[in-house]
Amino acid sequence: MTEARETRIKRMKMRSMRRGIKEMDLILTAYADRHLSSMDEAGLDTYDALLHENDQDLYQWVTGQARPPARLAELIADIAQTFQK
């Protein structure tokens, strides 16, 4: 059974808010609120995959302390840019 788009977005917003590190809660919640509803299915797939990554790794990628994996690099750059605004 396929998850409805609205349900999927709600689930990902909740997962964005309930991370392990408060900084990632704030960063991902702001990004999700601004961008998820306008993403296409491929973008949602990539964001969903990102939500399975470790918070310490995500924080280092978003803050530029470490290089993200190529499959997430574009999304991480967009998140970092949104965070800096």
PDB file of N, CA and C in Angstrom:
ATOM      1  N   MET A   1       0.836  -1.178   0.000  1.00  0.00           N
ATOM      2  CA  MET A   1       0.000   0.000   0.000  1.00  0.00           C
ATOM      3  C   MET A   1       0.882   1.242   0.000  1.00  0.00           C
ATOM      4  N   THR A   2       0.558   2.198  -0.822  1.00  0.00           N
ATOM      5  CA  THR A   2       1.342   3.410  -0.968  1.00  0.00           C
ATOM      6  C   THR A   2       0.865   4.471   0.016  1.00  0.00           C
ATOM      7  N   GLU A   3       1.825   5.164   0.582  1.00  0.00           N
ATOM      8  CA  GLU A   3       1.525   6.243   1.524  1.00  0.00           C
ATOM      9  C   GLU A   3       1.050   7.477   0.751  1.00  0.00           C
ATOM     10  N   ALA A   4      -0.037   8.081   1.185  1.00  0.00           N
ATOM     11  CA  ALA A   4      -0.541   9.294   0.541  1.00  0.00           C
ATOM     12  C   ALA A   4       0.473  10.424   0.708  1.00  0.00           C
ATOM     13  N   ARG A   5       0.546  11.301  -0.279  1.00  0.00           N
ATOM     14  CA  ARG A   5       1.517  12.405  -0.253  1.00  0.00           C
ATOM     15  C   ARG A   5       1.396  13.239   1.027  1.00  0.00           C
ATOM     16  N   GLU A   6       0.182  13.634   1.389  1.00  0.00           N
ATOM     17  CA  GLU A   6      -0.001  14.460   2.589  1.00  0.00           C
ATOM     18  C   GLU A   6       0.454  13.734   3.846  1.00  0.00           C
ATOM     19  N   THR A   7       0.168  12.459   3.936  1.00  0.00           N
ATOM     20  CA  THR A   7       0.590  11.647   5.081  1.00  0.00           C
ATOM     21  C   THR A   7       2.106  11.550   5.126  1.00  0.00           C
ATOM     22  N   ARG A   8       2.706  11.347   3.973  1.00  0.00           N
ATOM     23  CA  ARG A   8       4.160  11.245   3.890  1.00  0.00           C
ATOM     24  C   ARG A   8       4.828  12.541   4.346  1.00  0.00           C
ATOM     25  N   ILE A   9       4.318  13.664   3.890  1.00  0.00           N
ATOM     26  CA  ILE A   9       4.888  14.962   4.271  1.00  0.00           C
ATOM     27  C   ILE A   9       4.725  15.182   5.777  1.00  0.00           C
ATOM     28  N   LYS A  10       3.574  14.859   6.321  1.00  0.00           N
ATOM     29  CA  LYS A  10       3.361  14.996   7.773  1.00  0.00           C
ATOM     30  C   LYS A  10       4.344  14.129   8.550  1.00  0.00           C
ATOM     31  N   ARG A  11       4.545  12.895   8.087  1.00  0.00           N
ATOM     32  CA  ARG A  11       5.486  11.989   8.749  1.00  0.00           C
ATOM     33  C   ARG A  11       6.899  12.555   8.714  1.00  0.00           C
ATOM     34  N   MET A  12       7.309  13.058   7.566  1.00  0.00           N
ATOM     35  CA  MET A  12       8.664  13.593   7.448  1.00  0.00           C
ATOM     36  C   MET A  12       8.833  14.871   8.266  1.00  0.00           C
ATOM     37  N   LYS A  13       7.800  15.697   8.347  1.00  0.00           N
ATOM     38  CA  LYS A  13       7.885  16.886   9.198  1.00  0.00           C
ATOM     39  C   LYS A  13       8.055  16.482  10.660  1.00  0.00           C
ATOM     40  N   MET A  14       7.327  15.464  11.082  1.00  0.00           N
ATOM     41  CA  MET A  14       7.452  14.987  12.466  1.00  0.00           C
ATOM     42  C   MET A  14       8.848  14.432  12.721  1.00  0.00           C
ATOM     43  N   ARG A  15       9.362  13.671  11.783  1.00  0.00           N
ATOM     44  CA  ARG A  15      10.726  13.119  11.942  1.00  0.00           C
ATOM     45  C   ARG A  15      11.768  14.222  11.916  1.00  0.00           C
ATOM     46  N   SER A  16      11.488  15.315  11.215  1.00  0.00           N
ATOM     47  CA  SER A  16      12.403  16.459  11.188  1.00  0.00           C
ATOM     48  C   SER A  16      12.448  17.142  12.552  1.00  0.00           C
ATOM     49  N   MET A  17      11.314  17.148  13.255  1.00  0.00           N
ATOM     50  CA  MET A  17      11.217  17.811  14.562  1.00  0.00           C
ATOM     51  C   MET A  17      11.779  16.962  15.700  1.00  0.00           C
ATOM     52  N   ARG A  18      11.784  15.671  15.531  1.00  0.00           N
ATOM     53  CA  ARG A  18      12.144  14.759  16.619  1.00  0.00           C
ATOM     54  C   ARG A  18      13.448  14.039  16.321  1.00  0.00           C
ATOM     55  N   ARG A  19      14.503  14.805  16.253  1.00  0.00           N
ATOM     56  CA  ARG A  19      15.830  14.253  15.998  1.00  0.00           C
ATOM     57  C   ARG A  19      16.506  13.953  17.336  1.00  0.00           C
ATOM     58  N   GLY A  20      17.781  13.673  17.317  1.00  0.00           N
ATOM     59  CA  GLY A  20      18.513  13.429  18.556  1.00  0.00           C
ATOM     60  C   GLY A  20      19.241  14.657  19.056  1.00  0.00           C
ATOM     61  N   ILE A  21      19.530  15.575  18.152  1.00  0.00           N
ATOM     62  CA  ILE A  21      20.270  16.792  18.489  1.00  0.00           C
ATOM     63  C   ILE A  21      19.348  17.985  18.271  1.00  0.00           C
ATOM     64  N   LYS A  22      19.242  18.853  19.260  1.00  0.00           N
ATOM     65  CA  LYS A  22      18.342  20.007  19.193  1.00  0.00           C
ATOM     66  C   LYS A  22      18.632  20.877  17.969  1.00  0.00           C
ATOM     67  N   GLU A  23      19.909  21.057  17.644  1.00  0.00           N
ATOM     68  CA  GLU A  23      20.276  21.879  16.487  1.00  0.00           C
ATOM     69  C   GLU A  23      19.683  21.311  15.206  1.00  0.00           C
ATOM     70  N   MET A  24      19.721  19.987  15.071  1.00  0.00           N
ATOM     71  CA  MET A  24      19.158  19.372  13.865  1.00  0.00           C
ATOM     72  C   MET A  24      17.638  19.449  13.878  1.00  0.00           C
ATOM     73  N   ASP A  25      17.022  19.393  15.065  1.00  0.00           N
ATOM     74  CA  ASP A  25      15.572  19.615  15.160  1.00  0.00           C
ATOM     75  C   ASP A  25      15.222  20.966  14.540  1.00  0.00           C
ATOM     76  N   LEU A  26      15.932  21.990  14.951  1.00  0.00           N
ATOM     77  CA  LEU A  26      15.655  23.354  14.489  1.00  0.00           C
ATOM     78  C   LEU A  26      15.916  23.516  12.998  1.00  0.00           C
ATOM     79  N   ILE A  27      17.045  23.023  12.546  1.00  0.00           N
ATOM     80  CA  ILE A  27      17.434  23.164  11.143  1.00  0.00           C
ATOM     81  C   ILE A  27      16.467  22.418  10.228  1.00  0.00           C
ATOM     82  N   LEU A  28      16.224  21.148  10.534  1.00  0.00           N
ATOM     83  CA  LEU A  28      15.378  20.343   9.655  1.00  0.00           C
ATOM     84  C   LEU A  28      13.904  20.739   9.733  1.00  0.00           C
ATOM     85  N   THR A  29      13.445  21.169  10.904  1.00  0.00           N
ATOM     86  CA  THR A  29      12.062  21.628  11.010  1.00  0.00           C
ATOM     87  C   THR A  29      11.837  22.859  10.140  1.00  0.00           C
ATOM     88  N   ALA A  30      12.763  23.808  10.213  1.00  0.00           N
ATOM     89  CA  ALA A  30      12.642  25.017   9.384  1.00  0.00           C
ATOM     90  C   ALA A  30      12.661  24.655   7.904  1.00  0.00           C
ATOM     91  N   TYR A  31      13.559  23.770   7.512  1.00  0.00           N
ATOM     92  CA  TYR A  31      13.654  23.371   6.110  1.00  0.00           C
ATOM     93  C   TYR A  31      12.376  22.651   5.664  1.00  0.00           C
ATOM     94  N   ALA A  32      11.925  21.702   6.461  1.00  0.00           N
ATOM     95  CA  ALA A  32      10.735  20.924   6.112  1.00  0.00           C
ATOM     96  C   ALA A  32       9.515  21.830   5.960  1.00  0.00           C
ATOM     97  N   ASP A  33       9.349  22.756   6.890  1.00  0.00           N
ATOM     98  CA  ASP A  33       8.206  23.665   6.822  1.00  0.00           C
ATOM     99  C   ASP A  33       8.224  24.514   5.555  1.00  0.00           C
ATOM    100  N   ARG A  34       9.404  24.897   5.113  1.00  0.00           N
ATOM    101  CA  ARG A  34       9.521  25.768   3.937  1.00  0.00           C
ATOM    102  C   ARG A  34       9.456  25.023   2.608  1.00  0.00           C
ATOM    103  N   HIS A  35       9.897  23.760   2.583  1.00  0.00           N
ATOM    104  CA  HIS A  35      10.143  23.130   1.286  1.00  0.00           C
ATOM    105  C   HIS A  35       9.407  21.835   0.970  1.00  0.00           C
ATOM    106  N   LEU A  36       9.033  21.049   1.958  1.00  0.00           N
ATOM    107  CA  LEU A  36       8.494  19.722   1.645  1.00  0.00           C
ATOM    108  C   LEU A  36       7.253  19.757   0.773  1.00  0.00           C
ATOM    109  N   SER A  37       6.336  20.662   1.042  1.00  0.00           N
ATOM    110  CA  SER A  37       5.084  20.668   0.285  1.00  0.00           C
ATOM    111  C   SER A  37       5.278  20.980  -1.199  1.00  0.00           C
ATOM    112  N   SER A  38       6.376  21.640  -1.545  1.00  0.00           N
ATOM    113  CA  SER A  38       6.621  21.969  -2.952  1.00  0.00           C
ATOM    114  C   SER A  38       7.572  20.989  -3.652  1.00  0.00           C
ATOM    115  N   MET A  39       8.069  19.994  -2.934  1.00  0.00           N
ATOM    116  CA  MET A  39       8.996  19.021  -3.530  1.00  0.00           C
ATOM    117  C   MET A  39       8.264  18.010  -4.400  1.00  0.00           C
ATOM    118  N   ASP A  40       8.949  17.560  -5.451  1.00  0.00           N
ATOM    119  CA  ASP A  40       8.415  16.469  -6.253  1.00  0.00           C
ATOM    120  C   ASP A  40       8.719  15.147  -5.537  1.00  0.00           C
ATOM    121  N   GLU A  41       8.263  14.051  -6.104  1.00  0.00           N
ATOM    122  CA  GLU A  41       8.433  12.744  -5.457  1.00  0.00           C
ATOM    123  C   GLU A  41       9.904  12.369  -5.291  1.00  0.00           C
ATOM    124  N   ALA A  42      10.735  12.688  -6.275  1.00  0.00           N
ATOM    125  CA  ALA A  42      12.162  12.379  -6.174  1.00  0.00           C
ATOM    126  C   ALA A  42      12.795  13.172  -5.030  1.00  0.00           C
ATOM    127  N   GLY A  43      12.412  14.433  -4.889  1.00  0.00           N
ATOM    128  CA  GLY A  43      12.922  15.250  -3.794  1.00  0.00           C
ATOM    129  C   GLY A  43      12.490  14.710  -2.445  1.00  0.00           C
ATOM    130  N   LEU A  44      11.233  14.280  -2.355  1.00  0.00           N
ATOM    131  CA  LEU A  44      10.747  13.686  -1.109  1.00  0.00           C
ATOM    132  C   LEU A  44      11.486  12.386  -0.795  1.00  0.00           C
ATOM    133  N   ASP A  45      11.782  11.596  -1.828  1.00  0.00           N
ATOM    134  CA  ASP A  45      12.550  10.359  -1.624  1.00  0.00           C
ATOM    135  C   ASP A  45      13.925  10.667  -1.048  1.00  0.00           C
ATOM    136  N   THR A  46      14.578  11.688  -1.591  1.00  0.00           N
ATOM    137  CA  THR A  46      15.911  12.061  -1.118  1.00  0.00           C
ATOM    138  C   THR A  46      15.844  12.575   0.315  1.00  0.00           C
ATOM    139  N   TYR A  47      14.855  13.413   0.608  1.00  0.00           N
ATOM    140  CA  TYR A  47      14.710  13.935   1.965  1.00  0.00           C
ATOM    141  C   TYR A  47      14.408  12.801   2.950  1.00  0.00           C
ATOM    142  N   ASP A  48      13.575  11.864   2.540  1.00  0.00           N
ATOM    143  CA  ASP A  48      13.262  10.713   3.376  1.00  0.00           C
ATOM    144  C   ASP A  48      14.532   9.914   3.673  1.00  0.00           C
ATOM    145  N   ALA A  49      15.381   9.725   2.677  1.00  0.00           N
ATOM    146  CA  ALA A  49      16.646   9.018   2.884  1.00  0.00           C
ATOM    147  C   ALA A  49      17.541   9.791   3.851  1.00  0.00           C
ATOM    148  N   LEU A  50      17.557  11.108   3.726  1.00  0.00           N
ATOM    149  CA  LEU A  50      18.356  11.943   4.613  1.00  0.00           C
ATOM    150  C   LEU A  50      17.926  11.764   6.072  1.00  0.00           C
ATOM    151  N   LEU A  51      16.639  11.595   6.298  1.00  0.00           N
ATOM    152  CA  LEU A  51      16.125  11.439   7.661  1.00  0.00           C
ATOM    153  C   LEU A  51      16.607  10.154   8.339  1.00  0.00           C
ATOM    154  N   HIS A  52      17.136   9.228   7.561  1.00  0.00           N
ATOM    155  CA  HIS A  52      17.675   7.992   8.130  1.00  0.00           C
ATOM    156  C   HIS A  52      19.154   8.120   8.509  1.00  0.00           C
ATOM    157  N   GLU A  53      19.756   9.251   8.220  1.00  0.00           N
ATOM    158  CA  GLU A  53      21.167   9.464   8.532  1.00  0.00           C
ATOM    159  C   GLU A  53      21.348   9.860   9.997  1.00  0.00           C
ATOM    160  N   ASN A  54      22.534   9.645  10.491  1.00  0.00           N
ATOM    161  CA  ASN A  54      22.912   9.975  11.862  1.00  0.00           C
ATOM    162  C   ASN A  54      22.965  11.493  12.054  1.00  0.00           C
ATOM    163  N   ASP A  55      22.443  11.983  13.165  1.00  0.00           N
ATOM    164  CA  ASP A  55      22.415  13.425  13.427  1.00  0.00           C
ATOM    165  C   ASP A  55      23.798  14.064  13.474  1.00  0.00           C
ATOM    166  N   GLN A  56      24.759  13.373  14.064  1.00  0.00           N
ATOM    167  CA  GLN A  56      26.113  13.943  14.117  1.00  0.00           C
ATOM    168  C   GLN A  56      26.666  14.150  12.713  1.00  0.00           C
ATOM    169  N   ASP A  57      26.431  13.186  11.839  1.00  0.00           N
ATOM    170  CA  ASP A  57      26.881  13.320  10.450  1.00  0.00           C
ATOM    171  C   ASP A  57      26.137  14.461   9.761  1.00  0.00           C
ATOM    172  N   LEU A  58      24.811  14.489   9.916  1.00  0.00           N
ATOM    173  CA  LEU A  58      24.015  15.552   9.298  1.00  0.00           C
ATOM    174  C   LEU A  58      24.492  16.930   9.737  1.00  0.00           C
ATOM    175  N   TYR A  59      24.730  17.094  11.011  1.00  0.00           N
ATOM    176  CA  TYR A  59      25.160  18.397  11.520  1.00  0.00           C
ATOM    177  C   TYR A  59      26.493  18.807  10.907  1.00  0.00           C
ATOM    178  N   GLN A  60      27.424  17.869  10.825  1.00  0.00           N
ATOM    179  CA  GLN A  60      28.727  18.184  10.217  1.00  0.00           C
ATOM    180  C   GLN A  60      28.582  18.514   8.739  1.00  0.00           C
ATOM    181  N   TRP A  61      27.709  17.828   8.033  1.00  0.00           N
ATOM    182  CA  TRP A  61      27.498  18.116   6.612  1.00  0.00           C
ATOM    183  C   TRP A  61      26.876  19.490   6.426  1.00  0.00           C
ATOM    184  N   VAL A  62      25.821  19.786   7.195  1.00  0.00           N
ATOM    185  CA  VAL A  62      25.102  21.050   7.042  1.00  0.00           C
ATOM    186  C   VAL A  62      25.976  22.242   7.414  1.00  0.00           C
ATOM    187  N   THR A  63      26.829  22.074   8.397  1.00  0.00           N
ATOM    188  CA  THR A  63      27.686  23.176   8.844  1.00  0.00           C
ATOM    189  C   THR A  63      29.004  23.241   8.081  1.00  0.00           C
ATOM    190  N   GLY A  64      29.206  22.341   7.146  1.00  0.00           N
ATOM    191  CA  GLY A  64      30.411  22.372   6.316  1.00  0.00           C
ATOM    192  C   GLY A  64      31.643  21.788   6.968  1.00  0.00           C
ATOM    193  N   GLN A  65      31.482  21.095   8.067  1.00  0.00           N
ATOM    194  CA  GLN A  65      32.626  20.489   8.758  1.00  0.00           C
ATOM    195  C   GLN A  65      33.083  19.199   8.090  1.00  0.00           C
ATOM    196  N   ALA A  66      32.200  18.577   7.322  1.00  0.00           N
ATOM    197  CA  ALA A  66      32.521  17.341   6.615  1.00  0.00           C
ATOM    198  C   ALA A  66      31.774  17.346   5.283  1.00  0.00           C
ATOM    199  N   ARG A  67      32.295  16.609   4.332  1.00  0.00           N
ATOM    200  CA  ARG A  67      31.678  16.519   3.008  1.00  0.00           C
ATOM    201  C   ARG A  67      30.563  15.469   3.039  1.00  0.00           C
ATOM    202  N   PRO A  68      29.371  15.840   2.561  1.00  0.00           N
ATOM    203  CA  PRO A  68      28.266  14.869   2.539  1.00  0.00           C
ATOM    204  C   PRO A  68      28.457  13.857   1.414  1.00  0.00           C
ATOM    205  N   PRO A  69      27.783  12.717   1.497  1.00  0.00           N
ATOM    206  CA  PRO A  69      27.838  11.763   0.391  1.00  0.00           C
ATOM    207  C   PRO A  69      27.221  12.399  -0.863  1.00  0.00           C
ATOM    208  N   ALA A  70      27.710  12.004  -2.016  1.00  0.00           N
ATOM    209  CA  ALA A  70      27.282  12.601  -3.282  1.00  0.00           C
ATOM    210  C   ALA A  70      25.766  12.543  -3.468  1.00  0.00           C
ATOM    211  N   ARG A  71      25.139  11.453  -3.044  1.00  0.00           N
ATOM    212  CA  ARG A  71      23.692  11.295  -3.240  1.00  0.00           C
ATOM    213  C   ARG A  71      22.870  12.305  -2.449  1.00  0.00           C
ATOM    214  N   LEU A  72      23.468  12.906  -1.412  1.00  0.00           N
ATOM    215  CA  LEU A  72      22.765  13.883  -0.579  1.00  0.00           C
ATOM    216  C   LEU A  72      23.346  15.294  -0.692  1.00  0.00           C
ATOM    217  N   ALA A  73      24.404  15.460  -1.466  1.00  0.00           N
ATOM    218  CA  ALA A  73      25.139  16.731  -1.499  1.00  0.00           C
ATOM    219  C   ALA A  73      24.264  17.924  -1.895  1.00  0.00           C
ATOM    220  N   GLU A  74      23.447  17.770  -2.916  1.00  0.00           N
ATOM    221  CA  GLU A  74      22.611  18.889  -3.372  1.00  0.00           C
ATOM    222  C   GLU A  74      21.581  19.281  -2.305  1.00  0.00           C
ATOM    223  N   LEU A  75      20.959  18.297  -1.704  1.00  0.00           N
ATOM    224  CA  LEU A  75      19.975  18.558  -0.652  1.00  0.00           C
ATOM    225  C   LEU A  75      20.639  19.190   0.572  1.00  0.00           C
ATOM    226  N   ILE A  76      21.784  18.687   0.961  1.00  0.00           N
ATOM    227  CA  ILE A  76      22.510  19.247   2.108  1.00  0.00           C
ATOM    228  C   ILE A  76      22.873  20.702   1.836  1.00  0.00           C
ATOM    229  N   ALA A  77      23.328  21.006   0.630  1.00  0.00           N
ATOM    230  CA  ALA A  77      23.666  22.389   0.277  1.00  0.00           C
ATOM    231  C   ALA A  77      22.436  23.291   0.371  1.00  0.00           C
ATOM    232  N   ASP A  78      21.292  22.789  -0.072  1.00  0.00           N
ATOM    233  CA  ASP A  78      20.054  23.565   0.008  1.00  0.00           C
ATOM    234  C   ASP A  78      19.638  23.788   1.465  1.00  0.00           C
ATOM    235  N   ILE A  79      19.772  22.755   2.284  1.00  0.00           N
ATOM    236  CA  ILE A  79      19.450  22.886   3.712  1.00  0.00           C
ATOM    237  C   ILE A  79      20.386  23.892   4.365  1.00  0.00           C
ATOM    238  N   ALA A  80      21.664  23.808   4.066  1.00  0.00           N
ATOM    239  CA  ALA A  80      22.648  24.725   4.657  1.00  0.00           C
ATOM    240  C   ALA A  80      22.337  26.164   4.247  1.00  0.00           C
ATOM    241  N   GLN A  81      21.973  26.364   2.998  1.00  0.00           N
ATOM    242  CA  GLN A  81      21.638  27.709   2.508  1.00  0.00           C
ATOM    243  C   GLN A  81      20.387  28.238   3.208  1.00  0.00           C
ATOM    244  N   THR A  82      19.382  27.407   3.374  1.00  0.00           N
ATOM    245  CA  THR A  82      18.156  27.798   4.063  1.00  0.00           C
ATOM    246  C   THR A  82      18.450  28.155   5.512  1.00  0.00           C
ATOM    247  N   PHE A  83      19.301  27.362   6.148  1.00  0.00           N
ATOM    248  CA  PHE A  83      19.664  27.563   7.547  1.00  0.00           C
ATOM    249  C   PHE A  83      20.382  28.902   7.739  1.00  0.00           C
ATOM    250  N   GLN A  84      21.184  29.305   6.753  1.00  0.00           N
ATOM    251  CA  GLN A  84      21.969  30.527   6.873  1.00  0.00           C
ATOM    252  C   GLN A  84      21.152  31.786   6.607  1.00  0.00           C
ATOM    253  N   LYS A  85      19.937  31.640   6.071  1.00  0.00           N
ATOM    254  CA  LYS A  85      19.100  32.813   5.740  1.00  0.00           C
ATOM    255  C   LYS A  85      18.495  33.410   6.988  1.00  0.00           C
TER     256      LYS A  85
END
